[in-house]
Amino acid sequence: MNMKLNTEKCHLIVSGHRYEEQWVKIGEDKIWEEKSVKLLGVAIDNELKFDSHVKDICLIANRKLSALLRLNSYLSFEKKRILYKAFVESQFKYCSLSWRFHSRFSLN
């Protein structure tokens, strides 16, 4: 039994300097090169810098910290610590190698 490839779910990323877009042909379908894709929640770009991934994580963490700050007067320190570890710290621990390879841009 042969499995059919779903080309709508396929992505092509080519790293390096080039002057034209690349593509591959699978059967009758063409898959064009993309600048970045999201794979298992990690944004991977064609320069392998992970800048958009790190920026997204920081923005999401900022929103969650703001929500936690609004609950500050209603929760004990221990409850805030549990929420912080569950919702903020866990974001930074997932795919932590992306921090090593981003270009250390300013978030401003």
Protein backbone atom coordinates (compact mmCIF):
# COMPACT_ATOMS: atom_id res chain seq x y z
CA MET A 1 0.00 0.00 0.00
CA ASN A 2 1.42 3.39 -0.97
CA MET A 3 0.83 6.57 0.98
CA LYS A 4 0.08 9.77 -0.87
CA LEU A 5 2.11 12.82 0.10
CA ASN A 6 0.02 15.83 1.09
CA THR A 7 1.94 18.61 -0.65
CA GLU A 8 -0.19 21.28 1.04
CA LYS A 9 1.52 20.33 4.31
CA CYS A 10 5.03 20.25 2.83
CA HIS A 11 7.43 23.18 3.15
CA LEU A 12 10.75 23.96 1.54
CA ILE A 13 13.37 26.08 3.26
CA VAL A 14 16.70 26.70 1.55
CA SER A 15 19.44 28.26 3.63
CA GLY A 16 22.19 30.35 2.09
CA HIS A 17 22.59 33.20 -0.39
CA ARG A 18 20.82 32.93 -3.73
CA TYR A 19 19.22 35.24 -6.20
CA GLU A 20 16.13 33.34 -7.25
CA GLU A 21 13.43 31.36 -5.49
CA GLN A 22 13.82 27.60 -5.44
CA TRP A 23 11.13 24.97 -5.83
CA VAL A 24 10.78 21.22 -6.02
CA LYS A 25 8.30 19.23 -8.04
CA ILE A 26 6.59 16.26 -6.41
CA GLY A 27 4.27 14.50 -8.79
CA GLU A 28 2.23 17.24 -10.42
CA ASP A 29 2.66 19.71 -7.54
CA LYS A 30 5.34 22.34 -7.05
CA ILE A 31 6.50 23.27 -3.56
CA TRP A 32 7.98 26.76 -3.49
CA GLU A 33 10.63 27.93 -1.10
CA GLU A 34 9.43 29.81 1.98
CA LYS A 35 11.23 32.38 4.12
CA SER A 36 10.00 30.81 7.36
CA VAL A 37 7.72 28.05 8.57
CA LYS A 38 6.33 26.98 11.90
CA LEU A 39 7.17 23.42 12.90
CA LEU A 40 5.95 22.01 16.22
CA GLY A 41 5.44 25.54 17.51
CA VAL A 42 8.91 26.75 16.52
CA ALA A 43 9.28 29.37 13.79
CA ILE A 44 12.27 28.40 11.61
CA ASP A 45 13.56 30.90 9.06
CA ASN A 46 15.81 30.35 6.07
CA GLU A 47 18.77 31.99 7.82
CA LEU A 48 18.40 29.70 10.87
CA LYS A 49 18.45 32.68 13.24
CA PHE A 50 15.14 31.97 15.04
CA ASP A 51 14.55 35.73 15.42
CA SER A 52 10.82 35.58 14.76
CA HIS A 53 10.46 32.63 17.17
CA VAL A 54 12.26 34.46 19.99
CA LYS A 55 10.30 37.64 19.35
CA ASP A 56 6.99 35.73 19.43
CA ILE A 57 7.94 34.02 22.70
CA CYS A 58 8.85 37.34 24.30
CA LEU A 59 5.58 38.97 23.22
CA ILE A 60 3.50 36.06 24.52
CA ALA A 61 5.43 35.97 27.80
CA ASN A 62 4.92 39.73 28.21
CA ARG A 63 1.15 39.32 27.83
CA LYS A 64 1.07 36.49 30.34
CA LEU A 65 3.18 38.44 32.84
CA SER A 66 0.82 41.42 32.47
CA ALA A 67 -2.15 39.17 33.25
CA LEU A 68 -0.31 37.75 36.24
CA LEU A 69 0.49 41.26 37.45
CA ARG A 70 -3.22 42.15 37.38
CA LEU A 71 -3.87 39.17 39.68
CA ASN A 72 -1.02 40.14 42.01
CA SER A 73 -3.10 41.35 44.94
CA TYR A 74 -5.45 38.35 44.83
CA LEU A 75 -2.93 35.51 44.93
CA SER A 76 -0.35 34.28 47.41
CA PHE A 77 3.32 34.21 46.44
CA GLU A 78 3.25 30.43 46.04
CA LYS A 79 0.21 30.53 43.68
CA LYS A 80 1.89 33.27 41.59
CA ARG A 81 5.06 31.17 41.44
CA ILE A 82 3.11 28.13 40.20
CA LEU A 83 1.34 30.20 37.54
CA TYR A 84 4.62 31.80 36.46
CA LYS A 85 6.34 28.43 36.09
CA ALA A 86 3.39 26.93 34.21
CA PHE A 87 2.63 29.77 31.80
CA VAL A 88 5.80 31.85 31.41
CA GLU A 89 8.89 29.87 32.30
CA SER A 90 7.71 26.83 30.35
CA GLN A 91 7.60 28.95 27.16
CA PHE A 92 11.28 29.77 27.48
CA LYS A 93 12.29 26.18 28.19
CA TYR A 94 10.60 24.72 25.10
CA CYS A 95 13.15 24.51 22.27
CA SER A 96 15.71 26.36 24.34
CA LEU A 97 18.41 25.91 21.68
CA SER A 98 16.69 28.59 19.59
CA TRP A 99 18.00 31.15 22.11
CA ARG A 100 21.56 30.20 21.25
CA PHE A 101 21.09 30.87 17.53
CA HIS A 102 19.01 34.04 17.39
CA SER A 103 20.77 37.25 16.34
CA ARG A 104 20.38 39.00 19.72
CA PHE A 105 18.26 41.84 18.40
CA SER A 106 16.68 44.56 20.49
CA LEU A 107 13.01 43.97 21.28
CA ASN A 108 12.17 47.67 21.13
